[in-house]
Amino acid sequence: MNIKDVNINYVQYGNKEGKDIVLLHGWGQNIEMMDPIGRRLEEDFRITIIDFPGFGKSGEPPTALTVYNYYELLDEFLSKLKIKEPILIGHSFGGRVAIIYAALKPVTKLILFAAPFRRSNKKADLKLKVLKFMKKVPVIKRLEGFAKKHMGSTDYRNATPIMRKILVNVINENLYDYLTKIKASTILIWGSEDTEVPVEEAKVIENTINDCGLIIYEGCTHYAYLERIDQTVNIINEFLKDVKK
């Protein structure tokens, strides 16, 4: 699919009669990082996972986008697929995009994993942290080789000039005002040891969105949703039981 002169890669599978779940991956990641969640929900829901522009098999944007621009791309993408009022699930950067979408468009429910909404002062080498994490989590250990080849853009020094500019745009945007506009029922899943987006940030989100609950996984990191994937899927199924068809 081509949107705004960018070729967009995506997958869609699951129950064609079910409610739509749209999964949004983190910075420097791809469809495969959200697929373990999608595969465990496909019996009851139709699953759509996108490679954001600049990541996975999608094309690189011709100009330096903002988070709002990624929201616009997502909005057009979902419109072309005729997906209305989706259940949005976003991890990290994907959570940023989900926050704007949920603030401006109707969504059935919102699920955020370790989603930042304002600037962090931390300058971490995310590529190294992702690879270390992958060695610990059996469900995605098979992705480790893939990550070594394709996740260079998580490291600012290895990113292309366009992706560097986009990363600067992304980390400098403050999305707090969007949080205040979200009306959808929301849950947050966070790791107590998340050093990228500390739990304190989750508590701000919880207190800002009107209908919002926070689940903290003790001892887990920025990838808590995968570190305890069975628990995550159980929580999601419970949260969505009233919208299953």
Protein backbone atom coordinates (compact mmCIF):
# COMPACT_ATOMS: atom_id res chain seq x y z
CA MET A 1 0.00 0.00 0.00
CA ASN A 2 1.29 3.46 -0.89
CA ILE A 3 0.50 6.38 1.42
CA LYS A 4 1.98 9.85 0.97
CA ASP A 5 4.62 8.47 -1.41
CA VAL A 6 5.75 5.83 1.08
CA ASN A 7 5.29 2.10 0.50
CA ILE A 8 3.66 0.62 3.61
CA ASN A 9 4.12 -3.02 4.58
CA TYR A 10 1.51 -4.67 6.80
CA VAL A 11 -0.04 -7.99 7.68
CA GLN A 12 -3.66 -8.82 8.41
CA TYR A 13 -4.98 -12.11 9.75
CA GLY A 14 -7.36 -13.65 12.24
CA ASN A 15 -11.14 -13.68 12.60
CA LYS A 16 -12.65 -11.67 9.73
CA GLU A 17 -15.88 -11.34 11.70
CA GLY A 18 -14.11 -10.13 14.83
CA LYS A 19 -13.45 -6.62 16.09
CA ASP A 20 -10.33 -5.00 14.65
CA ILE A 21 -7.15 -4.90 16.72
CA VAL A 22 -4.37 -2.71 15.33
CA LEU A 23 -0.88 -3.28 16.76
CA LEU A 24 1.77 -0.54 16.60
CA HIS A 25 5.45 -1.38 17.18
CA GLY A 26 8.20 0.59 18.90
CA TRP A 27 11.04 2.67 17.45
CA GLY A 28 13.43 0.70 15.25
CA GLN A 29 11.24 -2.38 15.45
CA ASN A 30 8.81 -4.07 13.08
CA ILE A 31 5.76 -6.28 12.67
CA GLU A 32 7.53 -9.25 14.24
CA MET A 33 7.81 -7.55 17.64
CA MET A 34 4.00 -7.32 17.87
CA ASP A 35 3.16 -10.56 16.11
CA PRO A 36 3.43 -12.74 19.28
CA ILE A 37 0.52 -10.71 20.71
CA GLY A 38 -1.49 -10.81 17.49
CA ARG A 39 -1.13 -14.57 17.08
CA ARG A 40 -2.53 -15.14 20.57
CA LEU A 41 -5.59 -12.98 19.87
CA GLU A 42 -6.41 -13.97 16.29
CA GLU A 43 -9.13 -16.48 17.19
CA ASP A 44 -11.51 -13.75 18.35
CA PHE A 45 -10.24 -10.64 16.56
CA ARG A 46 -9.05 -9.47 13.15
CA ILE A 47 -5.41 -8.47 13.60
CA THR A 48 -3.63 -5.75 11.61
CA ILE A 49 0.05 -4.95 12.18
CA ILE A 50 1.89 -2.21 10.30
CA ASP A 51 5.57 -1.59 9.68
CA PHE A 52 5.82 2.14 10.30
CA PRO A 53 7.56 4.14 7.55
CA GLY A 54 11.31 3.83 8.00
CA PHE A 55 11.10 0.43 9.70
CA GLY A 56 10.74 -3.21 8.76
CA LYS A 57 9.82 -3.61 5.10
CA SER A 58 8.12 -0.22 4.73
CA GLY A 59 9.81 2.55 2.79
CA GLU A 60 11.70 5.42 4.38
CA PRO A 61 9.82 8.74 4.45
CA PRO A 62 11.16 11.40 2.04
CA THR A 63 11.02 14.06 4.77
CA ALA A 64 11.49 14.19 8.55
CA LEU A 65 8.14 13.26 10.07
CA THR A 66 6.71 14.16 13.46
CA VAL A 67 4.60 11.88 15.66
CA TYR A 68 1.58 13.76 14.34
CA ASN A 69 2.64 12.92 10.77
CA TYR A 70 2.81 9.24 11.75
CA TYR A 71 -0.71 9.59 13.15
CA GLU A 72 -1.85 11.05 9.79
CA LEU A 73 -0.28 8.11 7.95
CA LEU A 74 -1.97 5.65 10.31
CA ASP A 75 -5.32 7.40 9.87
CA GLU A 76 -5.08 7.18 6.07
CA PHE A 77 -3.87 3.58 6.29
CA LEU A 78 -6.83 2.51 8.43
CA SER A 79 -9.25 4.44 6.22
CA LYS A 80 -8.00 2.58 3.14
CA LEU A 81 -8.53 -0.71 4.96
CA LYS A 82 -11.99 0.49 6.06
CA ILE A 83 -11.09 -0.06 9.73
CA LYS A 84 -13.24 2.07 12.02
CA GLU A 85 -13.04 2.44 15.80
CA PRO A 86 -10.22 -0.08 16.23
CA ILE A 87 -8.80 -1.46 19.43
CA LEU A 88 -5.35 0.14 19.44
CA ILE A 89 -2.35 -1.55 21.05
CA GLY A 90 0.90 0.41 20.99
CA HIS A 91 4.36 -0.26 22.40
CA SER A 92 6.78 2.62 23.10
CA PHE A 93 6.91 4.80 19.94
CA GLY A 94 3.81 3.01 18.67
CA GLY A 95 2.14 4.11 21.89
CA ARG A 96 2.96 7.73 21.07
CA VAL A 97 1.14 7.39 17.75
CA ALA A 98 -1.73 5.57 19.45
CA ILE A 99 -2.10 8.40 21.98
CA ILE A 100 -2.66 10.97 19.22
CA TYR A 101 -5.00 8.68 17.27
CA ALA A 102 -7.10 7.90 20.36
CA ALA A 103 -7.30 11.60 21.20
CA LEU A 104 -8.52 12.62 17.74
CA LYS A 105 -10.43 9.60 16.41
CA PRO A 106 -12.93 7.17 17.91
CA VAL A 107 -11.36 3.97 19.21
CA THR A 108 -13.07 1.07 20.96
CA LYS A 109 -10.32 0.64 23.57
CA LEU A 110 -6.68 1.63 24.03
CA ILE A 111 -3.82 -0.49 25.37
CA LEU A 112 -0.39 1.06 25.91
CA PHE A 113 2.85 -0.78 26.66
CA ALA A 114 5.63 1.47 28.00
CA ALA A 115 4.47 4.46 25.97
CA PRO A 116 6.35 7.75 26.45
CA PHE A 117 4.40 10.97 26.08
CA ARG A 118 7.13 13.56 26.68
CA ARG A 119 10.84 14.07 26.34
CA SER A 120 13.20 11.74 28.17
CA ASN A 121 16.66 12.91 29.16
CA LYS A 122 18.06 9.41 28.79
CA LYS A 123 20.38 8.76 25.83
CA ALA A 124 20.36 4.99 25.66
CA ASP A 125 21.73 2.74 22.96
CA LEU A 126 18.42 1.03 22.31
CA LYS A 127 19.84 -1.48 19.85
CA LEU A 128 22.13 -2.98 22.48
CA LYS A 129 19.34 -3.10 25.05
CA VAL A 130 16.92 -4.76 22.64
CA LEU A 131 19.42 -7.46 21.74
CA LYS A 132 20.23 -8.17 25.40
CA PHE A 133 16.51 -8.38 26.11
CA MET A 134 15.91 -10.81 23.27
CA LYS A 135 18.36 -13.31 24.74
CA LYS A 136 16.27 -13.42 27.90
CA VAL A 137 12.81 -13.89 26.43
CA PRO A 138 12.15 -17.30 24.80
CA VAL A 139 9.13 -16.19 22.79
CA ILE A 140 11.23 -13.88 20.64
CA LYS A 141 14.71 -15.35 20.97
CA ARG A 142 14.31 -16.50 17.36
CA LEU A 143 14.16 -12.80 16.36
CA GLU A 144 17.66 -12.10 17.65
CA GLY A 145 19.37 -12.75 14.31
CA PHE A 146 16.78 -10.67 12.51
CA ALA A 147 17.32 -7.84 14.94
CA LYS A 148 21.06 -7.77 14.44
CA LYS A 149 20.50 -7.22 10.73
CA HIS A 150 17.54 -4.89 10.75
CA MET A 151 17.48 -2.88 13.97
CA GLY A 152 20.40 -0.53 13.36
CA SER A 153 17.99 2.38 13.18
CA THR A 154 17.35 2.04 16.91
CA ASP A 155 20.87 3.37 17.37
CA TYR A 156 21.04 7.07 16.53
CA ARG A 157 24.62 6.79 15.27
CA ASN A 158 23.70 4.17 12.67
CA ALA A 159 20.45 5.76 11.49
CA THR A 160 20.06 7.48 8.12
CA PRO A 161 19.96 11.31 8.16
CA ILE A 162 16.17 11.32 7.70
CA MET A 163 15.58 8.83 10.51
CA ARG A 164 17.92 10.78 12.79
CA LYS A 165 15.85 13.90 12.20
CA ILE A 166 12.64 11.98 12.82
CA LEU A 167 14.01 10.57 16.08
CA VAL A 168 14.88 14.09 17.25
CA ASN A 169 11.36 15.24 16.36
CA VAL A 170 9.79 12.29 18.15
CA ILE A 171 11.65 12.54 21.43
CA ASN A 172 11.06 16.30 21.67
CA GLU A 173 7.29 16.16 21.26
CA ASN A 174 5.09 16.51 24.33
CA LEU A 175 1.80 14.65 23.98
CA TYR A 176 0.27 15.54 27.34
CA ASP A 177 -2.54 17.62 25.82
CA TYR A 178 -3.57 14.63 23.70
CA LEU A 179 -3.77 12.44 26.81
CA THR A 180 -6.37 14.83 28.26
CA LYS A 181 -8.60 14.28 25.21
CA ILE A 182 -8.69 10.46 25.31
CA LYS A 183 -12.17 9.17 26.14
CA ALA A 184 -11.68 5.46 25.40
CA SER A 185 -11.27 2.96 28.21
CA THR A 186 -7.50 2.41 28.55
CA ILE A 187 -5.08 0.03 30.23
CA LEU A 188 -1.35 0.46 30.68
CA ILE A 189 1.11 -2.43 31.05
CA TRP A 190 4.52 -1.45 32.40
CA GLY A 191 7.67 -3.03 33.79
CA SER A 192 8.85 -1.86 37.21
CA GLU A 193 12.43 -1.87 35.90
CA ASP A 194 11.71 0.08 32.70
CA THR A 195 14.60 2.54 32.41
CA GLU A 196 13.43 3.96 29.06
CA VAL A 197 10.01 5.07 30.28
CA PRO A 198 9.89 4.88 34.08
CA VAL A 199 6.76 3.79 35.90
CA GLU A 200 6.34 7.36 37.18
CA GLU A 201 5.40 8.34 33.61
CA ALA A 202 2.77 5.60 33.53
CA LYS A 203 1.25 6.99 36.72
CA VAL A 204 0.91 10.42 35.10
CA ILE A 205 -0.91 8.82 32.16
CA GLU A 206 -3.14 6.85 34.52
CA ASN A 207 -4.11 10.01 36.38
CA THR A 208 -4.70 12.00 33.16
CA ILE A 209 -6.88 9.66 31.11
CA ASN A 210 -10.32 9.54 32.68
CA ASP A 211 -10.95 5.78 32.38
CA CYS A 212 -7.52 4.22 32.81
CA GLY A 213 -5.89 1.39 34.75
CA LEU A 214 -2.22 0.60 35.28
CA ILE A 215 -0.73 -2.90 35.62
CA ILE A 216 2.90 -3.07 36.73
CA TYR A 217 5.00 -6.20 36.18
CA GLU A 218 7.55 -6.40 38.96
CA GLY A 219 11.09 -7.02 37.77
CA CYS A 220 10.28 -6.47 34.08
CA THR A 221 11.77 -3.99 31.62
CA HIS A 222 10.70 -1.80 28.69
CA TYR A 223 9.57 -5.05 27.02
CA ALA A 224 7.39 -6.23 29.91
CA TYR A 225 4.53 -7.11 27.57
CA LEU A 226 6.68 -9.83 25.98
CA GLU A 227 8.55 -10.87 29.10
CA ARG A 228 5.24 -12.04 30.55
CA ILE A 229 3.33 -12.60 27.34
CA ASP A 230 0.83 -15.10 28.74
CA GLN A 231 -0.12 -12.70 31.51
CA THR A 232 -0.35 -9.87 29.00
CA VAL A 233 -2.69 -11.83 26.74
CA ASN A 234 -4.87 -12.87 29.70
CA ILE A 235 -5.19 -9.22 30.75
CA ILE A 236 -6.04 -8.13 27.20
CA ASN A 237 -8.67 -10.84 26.81
CA GLU A 238 -10.28 -9.85 30.10
CA PHE A 239 -10.20 -6.16 29.12
CA LEU A 240 -11.78 -6.90 25.73
CA LYS A 241 -14.33 -9.55 26.74
CA ASP A 242 -17.22 -7.09 26.37
CA VAL A 243 -16.31 -6.27 22.75
CA LYS A 244 -15.76 -9.79 21.44
CA LYS A 245 -18.22 -10.69 18.70
